[in-house]
Amino acid sequence: MKRMKILGISGSPRKGQNCEKMIASALEVAKERGFETDTVFLSCSEVAPCKACGACREKDCCVIDDSMEEIYEKMRAADGVIVAAPVYMGNYPAQLKALFDRSVLLRRKDFALKNKVGAALSVGGSRNGGQEKTIQSIHDWMHIHGMIVVGDNAHFGGITWNPSEEDSVGMQTVFETAKKLCDVLELVHKKK
């Protein structure tokens, strides 16, 4: 039987920082549970904004030549997706918005993300620095794709403040979110 795969997406343009560390911690939980994992780090990817040209209505690919074709394949191959984003002016950064906008191709191609399980993580400059709003916005993107959205068993998802690795309370919510994602994936796939 094929092992289930969880894709971790870091929506931060900053390499090696909080979001990538949170994704690594979440995926470590998944690996310990027997899941395959993969990553997309926007700090290492080139994703241009959507031009709303409509070409993806007829084609199976985007006309913009950048990292999105590889990201599409990773998203299609995943059973679960966990997205981490920093708070920039009250929400996720433009780099992640570009990826979300460009994912319209997957929606137009038979809702390719439908029924995949999704979860969100966020980091801000203070305990109440906009993380819940950022997570809600990520959840909105997941709902638009028809994904099954989970939190951390008590709230919305993993919420930390900078630096995330020193926030033990926040990192516990990251671990709990990863566990919930794994739990729901196991429940969904047990039914199949």
C-alpha atoms as a PDB file:
ATOM      1  CA  MET A   1       0.000   0.000   0.000  1.00  0.00           C
ATOM      2  CA  LYS A   2       1.267   3.465  -0.932  1.00  0.00           C
ATOM      3  CA  ARG A   3       2.328   5.619   1.999  1.00  0.00           C
ATOM      4  CA  MET A   4       0.417   8.860   2.352  1.00  0.00           C
ATOM      5  CA  LYS A   5       2.321  12.069   1.671  1.00  0.00           C
ATOM      6  CA  ILE A   6       2.185  15.426   3.438  1.00  0.00           C
ATOM      7  CA  LEU A   7       3.460  18.534   1.678  1.00  0.00           C
ATOM      8  CA  GLY A   8       4.767  21.379   3.810  1.00  0.00           C
ATOM      9  CA  ILE A   9       4.666  24.822   2.190  1.00  0.00           C
ATOM     10  CA  SER A  10       6.627  27.670   3.731  1.00  0.00           C
ATOM     11  CA  GLY A  11       5.100  30.907   2.486  1.00  0.00           C
ATOM     12  CA  SER A  12       7.953  33.063   3.744  1.00  0.00           C
ATOM     13  CA  PRO A  13      10.472  34.738   1.441  1.00  0.00           C
ATOM     14  CA  ARG A  14      13.072  34.418   4.246  1.00  0.00           C
ATOM     15  CA  LYS A  15      15.330  31.383   3.968  1.00  0.00           C
ATOM     16  CA  GLY A  16      15.974  29.268   7.064  1.00  0.00           C
ATOM     17  CA  GLN A  17      13.697  31.311   9.301  1.00  0.00           C
ATOM     18  CA  ASN A  18      10.581  30.675  11.409  1.00  0.00           C
ATOM     19  CA  CYS A  19       8.229  29.252   8.779  1.00  0.00           C
ATOM     20  CA  GLU A  20      10.753  26.775   7.424  1.00  0.00           C
ATOM     21  CA  LYS A  21      11.577  25.706  10.985  1.00  0.00           C
ATOM     22  CA  MET A  22       7.890  25.236  11.817  1.00  0.00           C
ATOM     23  CA  ILE A  23       7.349  23.192   8.655  1.00  0.00           C
ATOM     24  CA  ALA A  24      10.384  21.036   9.511  1.00  0.00           C
ATOM     25  CA  SER A  25       8.983  20.412  13.016  1.00  0.00           C
ATOM     26  CA  ALA A  26       5.519  19.564  11.689  1.00  0.00           C
ATOM     27  CA  LEU A  27       6.902  17.224   9.051  1.00  0.00           C
ATOM     28  CA  GLU A  28       9.066  15.501  11.650  1.00  0.00           C
ATOM     29  CA  VAL A  29       5.840  14.592  13.482  1.00  0.00           C
ATOM     30  CA  ALA A  30       4.457  13.222  10.198  1.00  0.00           C
ATOM     31  CA  LYS A  31       7.602  11.181   9.486  1.00  0.00           C
ATOM     32  CA  GLU A  32       7.438   9.658  12.968  1.00  0.00           C
ATOM     33  CA  ARG A  33       3.865   8.613  12.146  1.00  0.00           C
ATOM     34  CA  GLY A  34       4.996   6.893   8.921  1.00  0.00           C
ATOM     35  CA  PHE A  35       4.046   9.541   6.363  1.00  0.00           C
ATOM     36  CA  GLU A  36       6.170  10.550   3.397  1.00  0.00           C
ATOM     37  CA  THR A  37       6.922  14.259   3.317  1.00  0.00           C
ATOM     38  CA  ASP A  38       7.894  16.883   0.787  1.00  0.00           C
ATOM     39  CA  THR A  39       8.428  20.638   0.913  1.00  0.00           C
ATOM     40  CA  VAL A  40       7.948  23.822  -1.047  1.00  0.00           C
ATOM     41  CA  PHE A  41       9.931  26.741   0.352  1.00  0.00           C
ATOM     42  CA  LEU A  42       9.043  30.006  -1.353  1.00  0.00           C
ATOM     43  CA  SER A  43      12.417  31.362  -0.225  1.00  0.00           C
ATOM     44  CA  CYS A  44      13.946  28.993  -2.802  1.00  0.00           C
ATOM     45  CA  SER A  45      11.219  29.170  -5.447  1.00  0.00           C
ATOM     46  CA  GLU A  46      10.300  31.652  -8.116  1.00  0.00           C
ATOM     47  CA  VAL A  47       6.539  32.216  -8.279  1.00  0.00           C
ATOM     48  CA  ALA A  48       5.300  35.169 -10.286  1.00  0.00           C
ATOM     49  CA  PRO A  49       1.871  36.701  -9.671  1.00  0.00           C
ATOM     50  CA  CYS A  50      -1.098  35.420 -11.683  1.00  0.00           C
ATOM     51  CA  LYS A  51      -1.902  37.500 -14.764  1.00  0.00           C
ATOM     52  CA  ALA A  52      -5.540  36.300 -14.904  1.00  0.00           C
ATOM     53  CA  CYS A  53      -4.974  35.589 -18.611  1.00  0.00           C
ATOM     54  CA  GLY A  54      -7.330  32.594 -18.532  1.00  0.00           C
ATOM     55  CA  ALA A  55      -4.973  30.324 -20.488  1.00  0.00           C
ATOM     56  CA  CYS A  56      -5.246  27.619 -17.806  1.00  0.00           C
ATOM     57  CA  ARG A  57      -8.929  27.206 -18.677  1.00  0.00           C
ATOM     58  CA  GLU A  58      -7.852  25.460 -21.890  1.00  0.00           C
ATOM     59  CA  LYS A  59      -4.340  24.226 -21.066  1.00  0.00           C
ATOM     60  CA  ASP A  60      -3.071  21.794 -18.436  1.00  0.00           C
ATOM     61  CA  CYS A  61      -0.236  24.155 -17.566  1.00  0.00           C
ATOM     62  CA  CYS A  62       0.339  27.792 -16.765  1.00  0.00           C
ATOM     63  CA  VAL A  63       1.882  30.005 -19.445  1.00  0.00           C
ATOM     64  CA  ILE A  64       4.180  31.653 -16.869  1.00  0.00           C
ATOM     65  CA  ASP A  65       7.548  29.870 -16.845  1.00  0.00           C
ATOM     66  CA  ASP A  66       8.670  29.591 -13.226  1.00  0.00           C
ATOM     67  CA  SER A  67       8.613  27.149 -10.279  1.00  0.00           C
ATOM     68  CA  MET A  68       4.840  26.603 -10.301  1.00  0.00           C
ATOM     69  CA  GLU A  69       4.835  23.546 -12.582  1.00  0.00           C
ATOM     70  CA  GLU A  70       6.954  21.668 -10.024  1.00  0.00           C
ATOM     71  CA  ILE A  71       4.768  23.005  -7.200  1.00  0.00           C
ATOM     72  CA  TYR A  72       1.593  21.865  -9.011  1.00  0.00           C
ATOM     73  CA  GLU A  73       2.992  18.331  -9.197  1.00  0.00           C
ATOM     74  CA  LYS A  74       3.909  18.330  -5.511  1.00  0.00           C
ATOM     75  CA  MET A  75       0.434  19.563  -4.586  1.00  0.00           C
ATOM     76  CA  ARG A  76      -1.256  16.944  -6.769  1.00  0.00           C
ATOM     77  CA  ALA A  77       0.876  14.156  -5.243  1.00  0.00           C
ATOM     78  CA  ALA A  78       0.153  15.141  -1.632  1.00  0.00           C
ATOM     79  CA  ASP A  79      -2.626  13.672   0.493  1.00  0.00           C
ATOM     80  CA  GLY A  80      -2.258  16.478   3.022  1.00  0.00           C
ATOM     81  CA  VAL A  81      -0.913  20.039   2.875  1.00  0.00           C
ATOM     82  CA  ILE A  82       0.365  22.153   5.755  1.00  0.00           C
ATOM     83  CA  VAL A  83       1.065  25.815   5.025  1.00  0.00           C
ATOM     84  CA  ALA A  84       3.140  28.131   7.231  1.00  0.00           C
ATOM     85  CA  ALA A  85       3.097  31.895   6.804  1.00  0.00           C
ATOM     86  CA  PRO A  86       4.541  34.885   8.606  1.00  0.00           C
ATOM     87  CA  VAL A  87       2.300  37.852   9.333  1.00  0.00           C
ATOM     88  CA  TYR A  88       3.060  40.784   7.016  1.00  0.00           C
ATOM     89  CA  MET A  89       0.829  43.789   7.661  1.00  0.00           C
ATOM     90  CA  GLY A  90      -1.930  41.640   9.168  1.00  0.00           C
ATOM     91  CA  ASN A  91      -1.900  38.707   6.732  1.00  0.00           C
ATOM     92  CA  TYR A  92       0.349  36.394   4.716  1.00  0.00           C
ATOM     93  CA  PRO A  93       3.011  37.822   2.378  1.00  0.00           C
ATOM     94  CA  ALA A  94       2.633  38.553  -1.323  1.00  0.00           C
ATOM     95  CA  GLN A  95       4.826  35.561  -2.244  1.00  0.00           C
ATOM     96  CA  LEU A  96       2.275  33.157  -0.759  1.00  0.00           C
ATOM     97  CA  LYS A  97      -0.620  35.076  -2.331  1.00  0.00           C
ATOM     98  CA  ALA A  98       1.027  34.551  -5.727  1.00  0.00           C
ATOM     99  CA  LEU A  99       1.166  30.786  -5.140  1.00  0.00           C
ATOM    100  CA  PHE A 100      -2.458  30.742  -3.940  1.00  0.00           C
ATOM    101  CA  ASP A 101      -3.651  32.753  -6.954  1.00  0.00           C
ATOM    102  CA  ARG A 102      -1.748  30.544  -9.374  1.00  0.00           C
ATOM    103  CA  SER A 103      -3.274  27.418  -7.803  1.00  0.00           C
ATOM    104  CA  VAL A 104      -6.498  28.293  -9.644  1.00  0.00           C
ATOM    105  CA  LEU A 105      -5.205  25.951 -12.363  1.00  0.00           C
ATOM    106  CA  LEU A 106      -5.640  23.009  -9.948  1.00  0.00           C
ATOM    107  CA  ARG A 107      -9.190  24.115  -9.162  1.00  0.00           C
ATOM    108  CA  ARG A 108     -10.036  24.390 -12.845  1.00  0.00           C
ATOM    109  CA  LYS A 109      -8.567  20.936 -13.480  1.00  0.00           C
ATOM    110  CA  ASP A 110     -11.184  18.819 -11.700  1.00  0.00           C
ATOM    111  CA  PHE A 111     -10.606  20.353  -8.263  1.00  0.00           C
ATOM    112  CA  ALA A 112      -7.271  18.553  -7.889  1.00  0.00           C
ATOM    113  CA  LEU A 113      -6.961  19.538  -4.201  1.00  0.00           C
ATOM    114  CA  LYS A 114     -10.516  18.508  -3.262  1.00  0.00           C
ATOM    115  CA  ASN A 115     -10.674  16.284  -0.155  1.00  0.00           C
ATOM    116  CA  LYS A 116      -6.989  16.673   0.599  1.00  0.00           C
ATOM    117  CA  VAL A 117      -6.511  17.504   4.279  1.00  0.00           C
ATOM    118  CA  GLY A 118      -5.110  20.964   5.006  1.00  0.00           C
ATOM    119  CA  ALA A 119      -3.704  22.760   8.037  1.00  0.00           C
ATOM    120  CA  ALA A 120      -2.098  26.129   8.699  1.00  0.00           C
ATOM    121  CA  LEU A 121       0.659  27.603  10.837  1.00  0.00           C
ATOM    122  CA  SER A 122       1.582  31.239  11.376  1.00  0.00           C
ATOM    123  CA  VAL A 123       4.238  33.283  13.145  1.00  0.00           C
ATOM    124  CA  GLY A 124       4.045  36.923  14.178  1.00  0.00           C
ATOM    125  CA  GLY A 125       6.087  39.478  16.038  1.00  0.00           C
ATOM    126  CA  SER A 126       3.991  39.119  19.203  1.00  0.00           C
ATOM    127  CA  ARG A 127       1.575  36.626  20.749  1.00  0.00           C
ATOM    128  CA  ASN A 128      -1.419  38.388  19.154  1.00  0.00           C
ATOM    129  CA  GLY A 129       0.306  39.701  16.069  1.00  0.00           C
ATOM    130  CA  GLY A 130      -2.226  38.708  13.405  1.00  0.00           C
ATOM    131  CA  GLN A 131      -1.558  34.964  13.311  1.00  0.00           C
ATOM    132  CA  GLU A 132      -5.222  33.936  13.646  1.00  0.00           C
ATOM    133  CA  LYS A 133      -6.250  36.208  10.753  1.00  0.00           C
ATOM    134  CA  THR A 134      -3.402  34.814   8.658  1.00  0.00           C
ATOM    135  CA  ILE A 135      -4.451  31.240   9.443  1.00  0.00           C
ATOM    136  CA  GLN A 136      -8.067  32.082   8.614  1.00  0.00           C
ATOM    137  CA  SER A 137      -6.958  33.440   5.239  1.00  0.00           C
ATOM    138  CA  ILE A 138      -4.992  30.243   4.529  1.00  0.00           C
ATOM    139  CA  HIS A 139      -8.073  28.229   5.549  1.00  0.00           C
ATOM    140  CA  ASP A 140     -10.159  30.333   3.123  1.00  0.00           C
ATOM    141  CA  TRP A 141      -7.824  29.269   0.288  1.00  0.00           C
ATOM    142  CA  MET A 142      -8.168  25.631   1.358  1.00  0.00           C
ATOM    143  CA  HIS A 143     -11.974  25.879   1.457  1.00  0.00           C
ATOM    144  CA  ILE A 144     -12.048  27.353  -2.060  1.00  0.00           C
ATOM    145  CA  HIS A 145     -10.273  24.182  -3.228  1.00  0.00           C
ATOM    146  CA  GLY A 146     -12.677  21.890  -1.352  1.00  0.00           C
ATOM    147  CA  MET A 147     -10.053  20.701   1.101  1.00  0.00           C
ATOM    148  CA  ILE A 148     -10.774  19.248   4.542  1.00  0.00           C
ATOM    149  CA  VAL A 149      -9.449  21.854   6.995  1.00  0.00           C
ATOM    150  CA  VAL A 150      -8.144  20.995  10.470  1.00  0.00           C
ATOM    151  CA  GLY A 151      -6.772  22.978  13.396  1.00  0.00           C
ATOM    152  CA  ASP A 152      -4.743  22.031  16.448  1.00  0.00           C
ATOM    153  CA  ASN A 153      -7.547  20.211  18.329  1.00  0.00           C
ATOM    154  CA  ALA A 154      -8.353  23.335  20.353  1.00  0.00           C
ATOM    155  CA  HIS A 155      -8.048  26.328  18.037  1.00  0.00           C
ATOM    156  CA  PHE A 156      -7.223  27.247  14.465  1.00  0.00           C
ATOM    157  CA  GLY A 157      -3.733  25.860  13.952  1.00  0.00           C
ATOM    158  CA  GLY A 158      -0.126  26.374  14.938  1.00  0.00           C
ATOM    159  CA  ILE A 159       0.515  29.888  16.237  1.00  0.00           C
ATOM    160  CA  THR A 160       3.964  31.068  17.307  1.00  0.00           C
ATOM    161  CA  TRP A 161       5.742  34.318  17.828  1.00  0.00           C
ATOM    162  CA  ASN A 162       9.216  35.244  16.747  1.00  0.00           C
ATOM    163  CA  PRO A 163      11.579  33.431  17.251  1.00  0.00           C
ATOM    164  CA  SER A 164       9.329  30.387  16.944  1.00  0.00           C
ATOM    165  CA  GLU A 165      11.842  27.850  18.252  1.00  0.00           C
ATOM    166  CA  GLU A 166      11.967  29.717  21.573  1.00  0.00           C
ATOM    167  CA  ASP A 167       8.169  29.829  21.901  1.00  0.00           C
ATOM    168  CA  SER A 168       7.469  26.498  23.618  1.00  0.00           C
ATOM    169  CA  VAL A 169       3.746  27.206  24.034  1.00  0.00           C
ATOM    170  CA  GLY A 170       3.399  28.121  20.374  1.00  0.00           C
ATOM    171  CA  MET A 171       5.500  25.204  19.147  1.00  0.00           C
ATOM    172  CA  GLN A 172       3.177  22.850  21.030  1.00  0.00           C
ATOM    173  CA  THR A 173       0.339  24.142  18.832  1.00  0.00           C
ATOM    174  CA  VAL A 174       2.485  23.401  15.763  1.00  0.00           C
ATOM    175  CA  PHE A 175       2.983  19.801  16.968  1.00  0.00           C
ATOM    176  CA  GLU A 176      -0.723  19.434  17.778  1.00  0.00           C
ATOM    177  CA  THR A 177      -1.690  20.744  14.344  1.00  0.00           C
ATOM    178  CA  ALA A 178       0.633  18.230  12.667  1.00  0.00           C
ATOM    179  CA  LYS A 179      -0.808  15.415  14.802  1.00  0.00           C
ATOM    180  CA  LYS A 180      -4.373  16.421  13.899  1.00  0.00           C
ATOM    181  CA  LEU A 181      -3.481  16.516  10.199  1.00  0.00           C
ATOM    182  CA  CYS A 182      -2.073  12.980  10.489  1.00  0.00           C
ATOM    183  CA  ASP A 183      -5.086  11.768  12.504  1.00  0.00           C
ATOM    184  CA  VAL A 184      -7.587  13.027   9.948  1.00  0.00           C
ATOM    185  CA  LEU A 185      -5.594  11.664   7.002  1.00  0.00           C
ATOM    186  CA  GLU A 186      -5.588   8.249   8.671  1.00  0.00           C
ATOM    187  CA  LEU A 187      -9.345   8.461   9.293  1.00  0.00           C
ATOM    188  CA  VAL A 188     -10.118   9.552   5.732  1.00  0.00           C
ATOM    189  CA  HIS A 189      -7.944   6.873   4.137  1.00  0.00           C
ATOM    190  CA  LYS A 190      -9.201   4.136   6.472  1.00  0.00           C
ATOM    191  CA  LYS A 191     -12.678   4.709   5.006  1.00  0.00           C
ATOM    192  CA  LYS A 192     -11.464   4.192   1.410  1.00  0.00           C
END
